[in-house]
């Protein structure tokens, strides 16, 4: 939602930050969280949550079902990244989640202040 608010092309920025083949996937819990925000958030949050849901739908990203276990979004993201055979990076603006990912040596992607993304620990 944050990058959509800034009218940034998320996919183009990811592709320029991570060189080589990549596949963008969305965990189903992310969509559930966006749907919850679209129903229960403030008017502004509802608007951007709906925009994010529409964005994911239009881009036809693969939606991945979370693994059995915790339904906490951050925990599920970490679990997903650690269980994948291929190098898997998590894109987030959450600093606490980034610290957790860093401690587990999981590649992370996060936005710079104005334009571009930082891809850390990402090797193909």
PDB file of N, CA and C in Angstrom:
ATOM      1  N   UNK A   1       0.822  -1.192   0.000  1.00  0.00           N
ATOM      2  CA  UNK A   1       0.000   0.000   0.000  1.00  0.00           C
ATOM      3  C   UNK A   1       0.866   1.256   0.000  1.00  0.00           C
ATOM      4  N   UNK A   2       1.957   1.200   0.731  1.00  0.00           N
ATOM      5  CA  UNK A   2       2.825   2.365   0.854  1.00  0.00           C
ATOM      6  C   UNK A   2       3.352   2.837  -0.496  1.00  0.00           C
ATOM      7  N   UNK A   3       3.820   1.905  -1.317  1.00  0.00           N
ATOM      8  CA  UNK A   3       4.366   2.297  -2.618  1.00  0.00           C
ATOM      9  C   UNK A   3       3.262   2.718  -3.581  1.00  0.00           C
ATOM     10  N   UNK A   4       2.088   2.131  -3.471  1.00  0.00           N
ATOM     11  CA  UNK A   4       0.964   2.563  -4.301  1.00  0.00           C
ATOM     12  C   UNK A   4       0.591   4.006  -3.985  1.00  0.00           C
ATOM     13  N   UNK A   5       0.601   4.348  -2.700  1.00  0.00           N
ATOM     14  CA  UNK A   5       0.287   5.731  -2.293  1.00  0.00           C
ATOM     15  C   UNK A   5       1.247   6.725  -2.941  1.00  0.00           C
ATOM     16  N   UNK A   6       2.486   6.277  -3.128  1.00  0.00           N
ATOM     17  CA  UNK A   6       3.505   7.146  -3.714  1.00  0.00           C
ATOM     18  C   UNK A   6       3.521   7.070  -5.237  1.00  0.00           C
ATOM     19  N   UNK A   7       2.567   6.332  -5.809  1.00  0.00           N
ATOM     20  CA  UNK A   7       2.452   6.170  -7.265  1.00  0.00           C
ATOM     21  C   UNK A   7       3.743   5.614  -7.873  1.00  0.00           C
ATOM     22  N   UNK A   8       4.304   4.621  -7.186  1.00  0.00           N
ATOM     23  CA  UNK A   8       5.525   3.989  -7.652  1.00  0.00           C
ATOM     24  C   UNK A   8       5.187   2.667  -8.330  1.00  0.00           C
ATOM     25  N   UNK A   9       5.965   2.314  -9.341  1.00  0.00           N
ATOM     26  CA  UNK A   9       5.776   1.059 -10.052  1.00  0.00           C
ATOM     27  C   UNK A   9       6.542  -0.028  -9.315  1.00  0.00           C
ATOM     28  N   UNK A  10       5.846  -0.748  -8.467  1.00  0.00           N
ATOM     29  CA  UNK A  10       6.458  -1.727  -7.578  1.00  0.00           C
ATOM     30  C   UNK A  10       7.204  -2.802  -8.362  1.00  0.00           C
ATOM     31  N   UNK A  11       6.550  -3.349  -9.359  1.00  0.00           N
ATOM     32  CA  UNK A  11       7.158  -4.438 -10.120  1.00  0.00           C
ATOM     33  C   UNK A  11       8.424  -3.974 -10.839  1.00  0.00           C
ATOM     34  N   UNK A  12       8.375  -2.816 -11.458  1.00  0.00           N
ATOM     35  CA  UNK A  12       9.557  -2.293 -12.155  1.00  0.00           C
ATOM     36  C   UNK A  12      10.708  -2.058 -11.175  1.00  0.00           C
ATOM     37  N   UNK A  13      10.390  -1.573  -9.994  1.00  0.00           N
ATOM     38  CA  UNK A  13      11.438  -1.328  -9.007  1.00  0.00           C
ATOM     39  C   UNK A  13      12.042  -2.639  -8.501  1.00  0.00           C
ATOM     40  N   UNK A  14      11.214  -3.658  -8.327  1.00  0.00           N
ATOM     41  CA  UNK A  14      11.738  -4.960  -7.899  1.00  0.00           C
ATOM     42  C   UNK A  14      12.640  -5.523  -8.985  1.00  0.00           C
ATOM     43  N   UNK A  15      12.192  -5.453 -10.229  1.00  0.00           N
ATOM     44  CA  UNK A  15      12.992  -5.994 -11.333  1.00  0.00           C
ATOM     45  C   UNK A  15      14.315  -5.248 -11.504  1.00  0.00           C
ATOM     46  N   UNK A  16      14.352  -3.959 -11.206  1.00  0.00           N
ATOM     47  CA  UNK A  16      15.616  -3.234 -11.330  1.00  0.00           C
ATOM     48  C   UNK A  16      16.535  -3.483 -10.128  1.00  0.00           C
ATOM     49  N   UNK A  17      15.964  -3.828  -8.977  1.00  0.00           N
ATOM     50  CA  UNK A  17      16.784  -4.085  -7.785  1.00  0.00           C
ATOM     51  C   UNK A  17      17.336  -5.502  -7.762  1.00  0.00           C
ATOM     52  N   UNK A  18      16.585  -6.443  -8.321  1.00  0.00           N
ATOM     53  CA  UNK A  18      16.988  -7.850  -8.317  1.00  0.00           C
ATOM     54  C   UNK A  18      17.228  -8.267  -9.756  1.00  0.00           C
ATOM     55  N   UNK A  19      18.476  -8.469 -10.100  1.00  0.00           N
ATOM     56  CA  UNK A  19      18.832  -8.834 -11.468  1.00  0.00           C
ATOM     57  C   UNK A  19      18.736 -10.341 -11.642  1.00  0.00           C
ATOM     58  N   UNK A  20      18.269 -10.741 -12.786  1.00  0.00           N
ATOM     59  CA  UNK A  20      18.126 -12.165 -13.069  1.00  0.00           C
ATOM     60  C   UNK A  20      16.664 -12.579 -13.010  1.00  0.00           C
ATOM     61  N   UNK A  21      16.428 -13.864 -13.191  1.00  0.00           N
ATOM     62  CA  UNK A  21      15.042 -14.347 -13.202  1.00  0.00           C
ATOM     63  C   UNK A  21      14.413 -14.234 -11.817  1.00  0.00           C
ATOM     64  N   UNK A  22      13.151 -13.866 -11.798  1.00  0.00           N
ATOM     65  CA  UNK A  22      12.450 -13.803 -10.527  1.00  0.00           C
ATOM     66  C   UNK A  22      10.964 -14.017 -10.754  1.00  0.00           C
ATOM     67  N   UNK A  23      10.319 -14.429  -9.699  1.00  0.00           N
ATOM     68  CA  UNK A  23       8.877 -14.655  -9.722  1.00  0.00           C
ATOM     69  C   UNK A  23       8.305 -13.931  -8.512  1.00  0.00           C
ATOM     70  N   UNK A  24       7.333 -13.082  -8.756  1.00  0.00           N
ATOM     71  CA  UNK A  24       6.696 -12.355  -7.667  1.00  0.00           C
ATOM     72  C   UNK A  24       5.473 -13.143  -7.230  1.00  0.00           C
ATOM     73  N   UNK A  25       5.430 -13.478  -5.949  1.00  0.00           N
ATOM     74  CA  UNK A  25       4.291 -14.196  -5.392  1.00  0.00           C
ATOM     75  C   UNK A  25       3.763 -13.418  -4.193  1.00  0.00           C
ATOM     76  N   UNK A  26       2.495 -13.664  -3.871  1.00  0.00           N
ATOM     77  CA  UNK A  26       1.856 -13.002  -2.739  1.00  0.00           C
ATOM     78  C   UNK A  26       1.295 -14.085  -1.829  1.00  0.00           C
ATOM     79  N   UNK A  27       1.617 -14.017  -0.571  1.00  0.00           N
ATOM     80  CA  UNK A  27       1.080 -14.955   0.400  1.00  0.00           C
ATOM     81  C   UNK A  27      -0.400 -14.654   0.633  1.00  0.00           C
ATOM     82  N   UNK A  28      -1.217 -15.686   0.707  1.00  0.00           N
ATOM     83  CA  UNK A  28      -2.657 -15.477   0.868  1.00  0.00           C
ATOM     84  C   UNK A  28      -3.005 -14.665   2.114  1.00  0.00           C
ATOM     85  N   UNK A  29      -2.185 -14.775   3.154  1.00  0.00           N
ATOM     86  CA  UNK A  29      -2.454 -14.000   4.372  1.00  0.00           C
ATOM     87  C   UNK A  29      -2.318 -12.497   4.141  1.00  0.00           C
ATOM     88  N   UNK A  30      -1.481 -12.119   3.186  1.00  0.00           N
ATOM     89  CA  UNK A  30      -1.346 -10.699   2.842  1.00  0.00           C
ATOM     90  C   UNK A  30      -2.668 -10.197   2.271  1.00  0.00           C
ATOM     91  N   UNK A  31      -3.254 -10.977   1.373  1.00  0.00           N
ATOM     92  CA  UNK A  31      -4.544 -10.577   0.798  1.00  0.00           C
ATOM     93  C   UNK A  31      -5.638 -10.553   1.859  1.00  0.00           C
ATOM     94  N   UNK A  32      -5.620 -11.516   2.774  1.00  0.00           N
ATOM     95  CA  UNK A  32      -6.611 -11.516   3.856  1.00  0.00           C
ATOM     96  C   UNK A  32      -6.469 -10.268   4.728  1.00  0.00           C
ATOM     97  N   UNK A  33      -5.225  -9.882   4.989  1.00  0.00           N
ATOM     98  CA  UNK A  33      -4.986  -8.666   5.784  1.00  0.00           C
ATOM     99  C   UNK A  33      -5.468  -7.427   5.033  1.00  0.00           C
ATOM    100  N   UNK A  34      -5.201  -7.377   3.737  1.00  0.00           N
ATOM    101  CA  UNK A  34      -5.685  -6.247   2.928  1.00  0.00           C
ATOM    102  C   UNK A  34      -7.213  -6.202   2.922  1.00  0.00           C
ATOM    103  N   UNK A  35      -7.840  -7.363   2.811  1.00  0.00           N
ATOM    104  CA  UNK A  35      -9.307  -7.409   2.834  1.00  0.00           C
ATOM    105  C   UNK A  35      -9.854  -6.942   4.174  1.00  0.00           C
ATOM    106  N   UNK A  36      -9.172  -7.333   5.266  1.00  0.00           N
ATOM    107  CA  UNK A  36      -9.587  -6.866   6.599  1.00  0.00           C
ATOM    108  C   UNK A  36      -9.465  -5.350   6.696  1.00  0.00           C
ATOM    109  N   UNK A  37      -8.356  -4.808   6.197  1.00  0.00           N
ATOM    110  CA  UNK A  37      -8.162  -3.358   6.215  1.00  0.00           C
ATOM    111  C   UNK A  37      -9.195  -2.655   5.331  1.00  0.00           C
ATOM    112  N   UNK A  38      -9.564  -3.286   4.216  1.00  0.00           N
ATOM    113  CA  UNK A  38     -10.557  -2.704   3.311  1.00  0.00           C
ATOM    114  C   UNK A  38     -11.935  -2.641   3.960  1.00  0.00           C
ATOM    115  N   UNK A  39     -12.185  -3.528   4.915  1.00  0.00           N
ATOM    116  CA  UNK A  39     -13.475  -3.526   5.622  1.00  0.00           C
ATOM    117  C   UNK A  39     -13.471  -2.664   6.875  1.00  0.00           C
ATOM    118  N   UNK A  40     -12.359  -2.706   7.625  1.00  0.00           N
ATOM    119  CA  UNK A  40     -12.365  -2.131   8.972  1.00  0.00           C
ATOM    120  C   UNK A  40     -11.446  -0.932   9.174  1.00  0.00           C
ATOM    121  N   UNK A  41     -10.657  -0.578   8.188  1.00  0.00           N
ATOM    122  CA  UNK A  41      -9.729   0.533   8.353  1.00  0.00           C
ATOM    123  C   UNK A  41     -10.421   1.881   8.236  1.00  0.00           C
ATOM    124  N   UNK A  42      -9.658   2.926   8.456  1.00  0.00           N
ATOM    125  CA  UNK A  42     -10.188   4.275   8.254  1.00  0.00           C
ATOM    126  C   UNK A  42     -10.508   4.441   6.771  1.00  0.00           C
ATOM    127  N   UNK A  43     -11.178   5.503   6.424  1.00  0.00           N
ATOM    128  CA  UNK A  43     -11.558   5.734   5.025  1.00  0.00           C
ATOM    129  C   UNK A  43     -10.327   5.733   4.114  1.00  0.00           C
ATOM    130  N   UNK A  44      -9.275   6.377   4.543  1.00  0.00           N
ATOM    131  CA  UNK A  44      -8.045   6.437   3.744  1.00  0.00           C
ATOM    132  C   UNK A  44      -7.423   5.047   3.601  1.00  0.00           C
ATOM    133  N   UNK A  45      -7.352   4.309   4.697  1.00  0.00           N
ATOM    134  CA  UNK A  45      -6.774   2.964   4.667  1.00  0.00           C
ATOM    135  C   UNK A  45      -7.622   2.043   3.797  1.00  0.00           C
ATOM    136  N   UNK A  46      -8.936   2.150   3.891  1.00  0.00           N
ATOM    137  CA  UNK A  46      -9.828   1.328   3.062  1.00  0.00           C
ATOM    138  C   UNK A  46      -9.569   1.579   1.581  1.00  0.00           C
ATOM    139  N   UNK A  47      -9.412   2.845   1.224  1.00  0.00           N
ATOM    140  CA  UNK A  47      -9.152   3.201  -0.174  1.00  0.00           C
ATOM    141  C   UNK A  47      -7.883   2.534  -0.680  1.00  0.00           C
ATOM    142  N   UNK A  48      -6.796   2.648   0.084  1.00  0.00           N
ATOM    143  CA  UNK A  48      -5.516   2.104  -0.368  1.00  0.00           C
ATOM    144  C   UNK A  48      -5.478   0.585  -0.278  1.00  0.00           C
ATOM    145  N   UNK A  49      -6.166  -0.007   0.683  1.00  0.00           N
ATOM    146  CA  UNK A  49      -6.237  -1.469   0.763  1.00  0.00           C
ATOM    147  C   UNK A  49      -6.965  -2.017  -0.459  1.00  0.00           C
ATOM    148  N   UNK A  50      -8.063  -1.383  -0.844  1.00  0.00           N
ATOM    149  CA  UNK A  50      -8.782  -1.802  -2.052  1.00  0.00           C
ATOM    150  C   UNK A  50      -7.925  -1.623  -3.295  1.00  0.00           C
ATOM    151  N   UNK A  51      -7.168  -0.531  -3.349  1.00  0.00           N
ATOM    152  CA  UNK A  51      -6.276  -0.302  -4.489  1.00  0.00           C
ATOM    153  C   UNK A  51      -5.210  -1.394  -4.560  1.00  0.00           C
ATOM    154  N   UNK A  52      -4.693  -1.804  -3.410  1.00  0.00           N
ATOM    155  CA  UNK A  52      -3.676  -2.859  -3.377  1.00  0.00           C
ATOM    156  C   UNK A  52      -4.264  -4.197  -3.825  1.00  0.00           C
ATOM    157  N   UNK A  53      -5.479  -4.498  -3.390  1.00  0.00           N
ATOM    158  CA  UNK A  53      -6.145  -5.733  -3.807  1.00  0.00           C
ATOM    159  C   UNK A  53      -6.353  -5.722  -5.318  1.00  0.00           C
ATOM    160  N   UNK A  54      -6.814  -4.602  -5.854  1.00  0.00           N
ATOM    161  CA  UNK A  54      -7.000  -4.478  -7.305  1.00  0.00           C
ATOM    162  C   UNK A  54      -5.675  -4.628  -8.049  1.00  0.00           C
ATOM    163  N   UNK A  55      -4.626  -4.026  -7.513  1.00  0.00           N
ATOM    164  CA  UNK A  55      -3.296  -4.099  -8.127  1.00  0.00           C
ATOM    165  C   UNK A  55      -2.839  -5.550  -8.253  1.00  0.00           C
ATOM    166  N   UNK A  56      -2.947  -6.303  -7.157  1.00  0.00           N
ATOM    167  CA  UNK A  56      -2.524  -7.703  -7.168  1.00  0.00           C
ATOM    168  C   UNK A  56      -3.370  -8.498  -8.161  1.00  0.00           C
ATOM    169  N   UNK A  57      -4.664  -8.231  -8.186  1.00  0.00           N
ATOM    170  CA  UNK A  57      -5.545  -8.930  -9.112  1.00  0.00           C
ATOM    171  C   UNK A  57      -5.218  -8.652 -10.565  1.00  0.00           C
ATOM    172  N   UNK A  58      -4.926  -7.406 -10.889  1.00  0.00           N
ATOM    173  CA  UNK A  58      -4.616  -7.034 -12.270  1.00  0.00           C
ATOM    174  C   UNK A  58      -3.269  -7.580 -12.723  1.00  0.00           C
ATOM    175  N   UNK A  59      -2.334  -7.700 -11.805  1.00  0.00           N
ATOM    176  CA  UNK A  59      -0.998  -8.183 -12.159  1.00  0.00           C
ATOM    177  C   UNK A  59      -0.949  -9.702 -12.252  1.00  0.00           C
ATOM    178  N   UNK A  60      -1.992 -10.357 -11.829  1.00  0.00           N
ATOM    179  CA  UNK A  60      -2.063 -11.822 -11.918  1.00  0.00           C
ATOM    180  C   UNK A  60      -0.905 -12.518 -11.214  1.00  0.00           C
ATOM    181  N   UNK A  61      -0.487 -12.004 -10.074  1.00  0.00           N
ATOM    182  CA  UNK A  61       0.571 -12.642  -9.311  1.00  0.00           C
ATOM    183  C   UNK A  61       0.074 -13.969  -8.758  1.00  0.00           C
ATOM    184  N   UNK A  62       0.991 -14.886  -8.609  1.00  0.00           N
ATOM    185  CA  UNK A  62       0.675 -16.178  -8.019  1.00  0.00           C
ATOM    186  C   UNK A  62       0.369 -15.968  -6.531  1.00  0.00           C
ATOM    187  N   UNK A  63      -0.761 -16.495  -6.086  1.00  0.00           N
ATOM    188  CA  UNK A  63      -1.141 -16.403  -4.676  1.00  0.00           C
ATOM    189  C   UNK A  63      -0.758 -17.733  -4.028  1.00  0.00           C
ATOM    190  N   UNK A  64       0.089 -17.667  -3.014  1.00  0.00           N
ATOM    191  CA  UNK A  64       0.589 -18.860  -2.338  1.00  0.00           C
ATOM    192  C   UNK A  64      -0.169 -19.045  -1.027  1.00  0.00           C
ATOM    193  N   UNK A  65      -0.659 -20.256  -0.822  1.00  0.00           N
ATOM    194  CA  UNK A  65      -1.352 -20.575   0.425  1.00  0.00           C
ATOM    195  C   UNK A  65      -0.311 -20.736   1.531  1.00  0.00           C
ATOM    196  N   UNK A  66      -0.582 -20.118   2.673  1.00  0.00           N
ATOM    197  CA  UNK A  66       0.376 -20.212   3.770  1.00  0.00           C
ATOM    198  C   UNK A  66       0.420 -21.634   4.322  1.00  0.00           C
ATOM    199  N   UNK A  67       1.564 -21.965   4.898  1.00  0.00           N
ATOM    200  CA  UNK A  67       1.768 -23.295   5.457  1.00  0.00           C
ATOM    201  C   UNK A  67       0.929 -23.451   6.732  1.00  0.00           C
ATOM    202  N   UNK A  68       0.537 -24.672   7.060  1.00  0.00           N
ATOM    203  CA  UNK A  68      -0.199 -24.883   8.311  1.00  0.00           C
ATOM    204  C   UNK A  68       0.617 -24.367   9.488  1.00  0.00           C
ATOM    205  N   UNK A  69      -0.056 -23.831  10.445  1.00  0.00           N
ATOM    206  CA  UNK A  69       0.629 -23.294  11.619  1.00  0.00           C
ATOM    207  C   UNK A  69       0.127 -21.905  11.923  1.00  0.00           C
ATOM    208  N   UNK A  70       1.045 -21.027  12.309  1.00  0.00           N
ATOM    209  CA  UNK A  70       0.631 -19.685  12.734  1.00  0.00           C
ATOM    210  C   UNK A  70      -0.023 -18.899  11.602  1.00  0.00           C
ATOM    211  N   UNK A  71      -0.998 -18.080  11.975  1.00  0.00           N
ATOM    212  CA  UNK A  71      -1.658 -17.244  10.981  1.00  0.00           C
ATOM    213  C   UNK A  71      -1.194 -15.792  11.072  1.00  0.00           C
ATOM    214  N   UNK A  72      -0.174 -15.545  11.865  1.00  0.00           N
ATOM    215  CA  UNK A  72       0.423 -14.219  11.930  1.00  0.00           C
ATOM    216  C   UNK A  72       1.152 -13.983  10.611  1.00  0.00           C
ATOM    217  N   UNK A  73       0.899 -12.855   9.992  1.00  0.00           N
ATOM    218  CA  UNK A  73       1.453 -12.575   8.668  1.00  0.00           C
ATOM    219  C   UNK A  73       2.979 -12.600   8.685  1.00  0.00           C
ATOM    220  N   UNK A  74       3.606 -11.908   9.625  1.00  0.00           N
ATOM    221  CA  UNK A  74       5.064 -11.849   9.657  1.00  0.00           C
ATOM    222  C   UNK A  74       5.678 -13.227   9.869  1.00  0.00           C
ATOM    223  N   UNK A  75       5.133 -13.997  10.800  1.00  0.00           N
ATOM    224  CA  UNK A  75       5.646 -15.346  11.071  1.00  0.00           C
ATOM    225  C   UNK A  75       5.482 -16.219   9.833  1.00  0.00           C
ATOM    226  N   UNK A  76       4.358 -16.096   9.159  1.00  0.00           N
ATOM    227  CA  UNK A  76       4.115 -16.893   7.953  1.00  0.00           C
ATOM    228  C   UNK A  76       5.068 -16.509   6.826  1.00  0.00           C
ATOM    229  N   UNK A  77       5.387 -15.225   6.712  1.00  0.00           N
ATOM    230  CA  UNK A  77       6.347 -14.790   5.691  1.00  0.00           C
ATOM    231  C   UNK A  77       7.726 -15.386   5.959  1.00  0.00           C
ATOM    232  N   UNK A  78       8.155 -15.351   7.211  1.00  0.00           N
ATOM    233  CA  UNK A  78       9.456 -15.920   7.577  1.00  0.00           C
ATOM    234  C   UNK A  78       9.447 -17.422   7.299  1.00  0.00           C
ATOM    235  N   UNK A  79       8.387 -18.092   7.715  1.00  0.00           N
ATOM    236  CA  UNK A  79       8.273 -19.531   7.507  1.00  0.00           C
ATOM    237  C   UNK A  79       8.308 -19.866   6.012  1.00  0.00           C
ATOM    238  N   UNK A  80       7.612 -19.088   5.212  1.00  0.00           N
ATOM    239  CA  UNK A  80       7.595 -19.306   3.765  1.00  0.00           C
ATOM    240  C   UNK A  80       8.996 -19.146   3.186  1.00  0.00           C
ATOM    241  N   UNK A  81       9.682 -18.063   3.538  1.00  0.00           N
ATOM    242  CA  UNK A  81      11.023 -17.805   2.988  1.00  0.00           C
ATOM    243  C   UNK A  81      12.005 -18.908   3.372  1.00  0.00           C
ATOM    244  N   UNK A  82      11.908 -19.385   4.601  1.00  0.00           N
ATOM    245  CA  UNK A  82      12.843 -20.413   5.063  1.00  0.00           C
ATOM    246  C   UNK A  82      12.543 -21.795   4.482  1.00  0.00           C
ATOM    247  N   UNK A  83      11.306 -22.036   4.071  1.00  0.00           N
ATOM    248  CA  UNK A  83      10.941 -23.362   3.585  1.00  0.00           C
ATOM    249  C   UNK A  83      11.073 -23.516   2.071  1.00  0.00           C
ATOM    250  N   UNK A  84      11.305 -22.443   1.355  1.00  0.00           N
ATOM    251  CA  UNK A  84      11.416 -22.507  -0.107  1.00  0.00           C
ATOM    252  C   UNK A  84      12.786 -23.044  -0.529  1.00  0.00           C
ATOM    253  N   UNK A  85      12.790 -23.824  -1.605  1.00  0.00           N
ATOM    254  CA  UNK A  85      14.047 -24.375  -2.135  1.00  0.00           C
ATOM    255  C   UNK A  85      14.835 -23.310  -2.880  1.00  0.00           C
ATOM    256  N   UNK A  86      14.140 -22.445  -3.603  1.00  0.00           N
ATOM    257  CA  UNK A  86      14.799 -21.377  -4.355  1.00  0.00           C
ATOM    258  C   UNK A  86      15.037 -20.185  -3.442  1.00  0.00           C
ATOM    259  N   UNK A  87      16.055 -19.368  -3.745  1.00  0.00           N
ATOM    260  CA  UNK A  87      16.265 -18.159  -2.941  1.00  0.00           C
ATOM    261  C   UNK A  87      14.990 -17.317  -2.933  1.00  0.00           C
ATOM    262  N   UNK A  88      14.534 -16.974  -1.760  1.00  0.00           N
ATOM    263  CA  UNK A  88      13.279 -16.249  -1.611  1.00  0.00           C
ATOM    264  C   UNK A  88      13.504 -15.009  -0.769  1.00  0.00           C
ATOM    265  N   UNK A  89      13.197 -13.866  -1.337  1.00  0.00           N
ATOM    266  CA  UNK A  89      13.329 -12.601  -0.616  1.00  0.00           C
ATOM    267  C   UNK A  89      11.947 -12.139  -0.196  1.00  0.00           C
ATOM    268  N   UNK A  90      11.895 -11.430   0.897  1.00  0.00           N
ATOM    269  CA  UNK A  90      10.651 -10.850   1.396  1.00  0.00           C
ATOM    270  C   UNK A  90      10.747  -9.337   1.241  1.00  0.00           C
ATOM    271  N   UNK A  91       9.750  -8.755   0.573  1.00  0.00           N
ATOM    272  CA  UNK A  91       9.687  -7.300   0.415  1.00  0.00           C
ATOM    273  C   UNK A  91       8.809  -6.747   1.529  1.00  0.00           C
ATOM    274  N   UNK A  92       9.324  -5.781   2.271  1.00  0.00           N
ATOM    275  CA  UNK A  92       8.582  -5.228   3.401  1.00  0.00           C
ATOM    276  C   UNK A  92       9.075  -3.825   3.740  1.00  0.00           C
ATOM    277  N   UNK A  93       8.204  -3.067   4.383  1.00  0.00           N
ATOM    278  CA  UNK A  93       8.630  -1.777   4.935  1.00  0.00           C
ATOM    279  C   UNK A  93       8.735  -1.864   6.453  1.00  0.00           C
ATOM    280  N   UNK A  94       8.381  -3.000   7.021  1.00  0.00           N
ATOM    281  CA  UNK A  94       8.367  -3.222   8.471  1.00  0.00           C
ATOM    282  C   UNK A  94       9.801  -3.438   8.976  1.00  0.00           C
ATOM    283  N   UNK A  95      10.302  -2.503   9.761  1.00  0.00           N
ATOM    284  CA  UNK A  95      11.684  -2.586  10.250  1.00  0.00           C
ATOM    285  C   UNK A  95      11.904  -3.775  11.165  1.00  0.00           C
ATOM    286  N   UNK A  96      10.933  -4.080  12.023  1.00  0.00           N
ATOM    287  CA  UNK A  96      11.077  -5.224  12.919  1.00  0.00           C
ATOM    288  C   UNK A  96      11.147  -6.529  12.130  1.00  0.00           C
ATOM    289  N   UNK A  97      10.319  -6.653  11.120  1.00  0.00           N
ATOM    290  CA  UNK A  97      10.357  -7.845  10.280  1.00  0.00           C
ATOM    291  C   UNK A  97      11.699  -7.925   9.555  1.00  0.00           C
ATOM    292  N   UNK A  98      12.197  -6.802   9.070  1.00  0.00           N
ATOM    293  CA  UNK A  98      13.509  -6.796   8.405  1.00  0.00           C
ATOM    294  C   UNK A  98      14.611  -7.267   9.349  1.00  0.00           C
ATOM    295  N   UNK A  99      14.565  -6.832  10.603  1.00  0.00           N
ATOM    296  CA  UNK A  99      15.569  -7.265  11.583  1.00  0.00           C
ATOM    297  C   UNK A  99      15.496  -8.769  11.805  1.00  0.00           C
ATOM    298  N   UNK A 100      14.282  -9.287  11.909  1.00  0.00           N
ATOM    299  CA  UNK A 100      14.100 -10.727  12.087  1.00  0.00           C
ATOM    300  C   UNK A 100      14.643 -11.480  10.883  1.00  0.00           C
ATOM    301  N   UNK A 101      14.292 -11.012   9.685  1.00  0.00           N
ATOM    302  CA  UNK A 101      14.765 -11.654   8.460  1.00  0.00           C
ATOM    303  C   UNK A 101      16.288 -11.602   8.375  1.00  0.00           C
ATOM    304  N   UNK A 102      16.854 -10.463   8.733  1.00  0.00           N
ATOM    305  CA  UNK A 102      18.310 -10.313   8.700  1.00  0.00           C
ATOM    306  C   UNK A 102      18.978 -11.311   9.645  1.00  0.00           C
ATOM    307  N   UNK A 103      18.420 -11.485  10.851  1.00  0.00           N
ATOM    308  CA  UNK A 103      19.012 -12.413  11.814  1.00  0.00           C
ATOM    309  C   UNK A 103      18.953 -13.857  11.320  1.00  0.00           C
ATOM    310  N   UNK A 104      18.018 -14.152  10.416  1.00  0.00           N
ATOM    311  CA  UNK A 104      17.881 -15.494   9.850  1.00  0.00           C
ATOM    312  C   UNK A 104      18.523 -15.607   8.470  1.00  0.00           C
ATOM    313  N   UNK A 105      19.215 -14.551   8.044  1.00  0.00           N
ATOM    314  CA  UNK A 105      19.878 -14.495   6.729  1.00  0.00           C
ATOM    315  C   UNK A 105      18.906 -14.668   5.566  1.00  0.00           C
ATOM    316  N   UNK A 106      17.691 -14.168   5.728  1.00  0.00           N
ATOM    317  CA  UNK A 106      16.704 -14.195   4.652  1.00  0.00           C
ATOM    318  C   UNK A 106      16.852 -12.902   3.854  1.00  0.00           C
ATOM    319  N   UNK A 107      16.967 -12.981   2.531  1.00  0.00           N
ATOM    320  CA  UNK A 107      17.085 -11.773   1.710  1.00  0.00           C
ATOM    321  C   UNK A 107      15.863 -10.863   1.889  1.00  0.00           C
ATOM    322  N   UNK A 108      16.109  -9.578   1.906  1.00  0.00           N
ATOM    323  CA  UNK A 108      15.030  -8.615   2.075  1.00  0.00           C
ATOM    324  C   UNK A 108      15.088  -7.543   0.995  1.00  0.00           C
ATOM    325  N   UNK A 109      13.920  -7.002   0.714  1.00  0.00           N
ATOM    326  CA  UNK A 109      13.784  -5.902  -0.240  1.00  0.00           C
ATOM    327  C   UNK A 109      12.930  -4.853   0.438  1.00  0.00           C
ATOM    328  N   UNK A 110      13.405  -3.608   0.433  1.00  0.00           N
ATOM    329  CA  UNK A 110      12.608  -2.531   0.998  1.00  0.00           C
ATOM    330  C   UNK A 110      12.831  -1.248   0.218  1.00  0.00           C
ATOM    331  N   UNK A 111      11.872  -0.329   0.283  1.00  0.00           N
ATOM    332  CA  UNK A 111      11.958   0.887  -0.535  1.00  0.00           C
ATOM    333  C   UNK A 111      12.927   1.913   0.030  1.00  0.00           C
ATOM    334  N   UNK A 112      13.581   2.584  -0.893  1.00  0.00           N
ATOM    335  CA  UNK A 112      14.346   3.780  -0.531  1.00  0.00           C
ATOM    336  C   UNK A 112      13.342   4.894  -0.301  1.00  0.00           C
ATOM    337  N   UNK A 113      13.793   5.998   0.220  1.00  0.00           N
ATOM    338  CA  UNK A 113      12.883   7.095   0.551  1.00  0.00           C
ATOM    339  C   UNK A 113      12.112   7.615  -0.661  1.00  0.00           C
ATOM    340  N   UNK A 114      12.772   7.819  -1.771  1.00  0.00           N
ATOM    341  CA  UNK A 114      12.091   8.442  -2.907  1.00  0.00           C
ATOM    342  C   UNK A 114      11.830   7.473  -4.059  1.00  0.00           C
ATOM    343  N   UNK A 115      12.848   6.785  -4.508  1.00  0.00           N
ATOM    344  CA  UNK A 115      12.673   5.882  -5.640  1.00  0.00           C
ATOM    345  C   UNK A 115      13.700   4.771  -5.553  1.00  0.00           C
ATOM    346  N   UNK A 116      13.314   3.616  -6.004  1.00  0.00           N
ATOM    347  CA  UNK A 116      14.214   2.476  -6.007  1.00  0.00           C
ATOM    348  C   UNK A 116      14.065   1.648  -4.749  1.00  0.00           C
ATOM    349  N   UNK A 117      14.549   0.441  -4.847  1.00  0.00           N
ATOM    350  CA  UNK A 117      14.482  -0.487  -3.727  1.00  0.00           C
ATOM    351  C   UNK A 117      15.880  -0.930  -3.359  1.00  0.00           C
ATOM    352  N   UNK A 118      16.023  -1.362  -2.139  1.00  0.00           N
ATOM    353  CA  UNK A 118      17.269  -1.950  -1.677  1.00  0.00           C
ATOM    354  C   UNK A 118      17.029  -3.446  -1.555  1.00  0.00           C
ATOM    355  N   UNK A 119      17.842  -4.234  -2.242  1.00  0.00           N
ATOM    356  CA  UNK A 119      17.756  -5.691  -2.151  1.00  0.00           C
ATOM    357  C   UNK A 119      19.010  -6.164  -1.419  1.00  0.00           C
ATOM    358  N   UNK A 120      18.819  -6.684  -0.218  1.00  0.00           N
ATOM    359  CA  UNK A 120      19.943  -7.069   0.606  1.00  0.00           C
ATOM    360  C   UNK A 120      20.015  -8.582   0.752  1.00  0.00           C
ATOM    361  N   UNK A 121      21.225  -9.117   0.653  1.00  0.00           N
ATOM    362  CA  UNK A 121      21.503 -10.540   0.797  1.00  0.00           C
ATOM    363  C   UNK A 121      20.862 -11.373  -0.307  1.00  0.00           C
ATOM    364  N   UNK A 122      20.532 -10.768  -1.422  1.00  0.00           N
ATOM    365  CA  UNK A 122      19.862 -11.519  -2.474  1.00  0.00           C
ATOM    366  C   UNK A 122      20.876 -11.997  -3.482  1.00  0.00           C
ATOM    367  N   UNK A 123      20.980 -13.327  -3.611  1.00  0.00           N
ATOM    368  CA  UNK A 123      21.881 -13.923  -4.601  1.00  0.00           C
ATOM    369  C   UNK A 123      21.091 -14.948  -5.389  1.00  0.00           C
ATOM    370  N   UNK A 124      21.280 -14.927  -6.684  1.00  0.00           N
ATOM    371  CA  UNK A 124      20.608 -15.914  -7.551  1.00  0.00           C
ATOM    372  C   UNK A 124      21.525 -17.098  -7.787  1.00  0.00           C
TER     373      UNK A 124
END
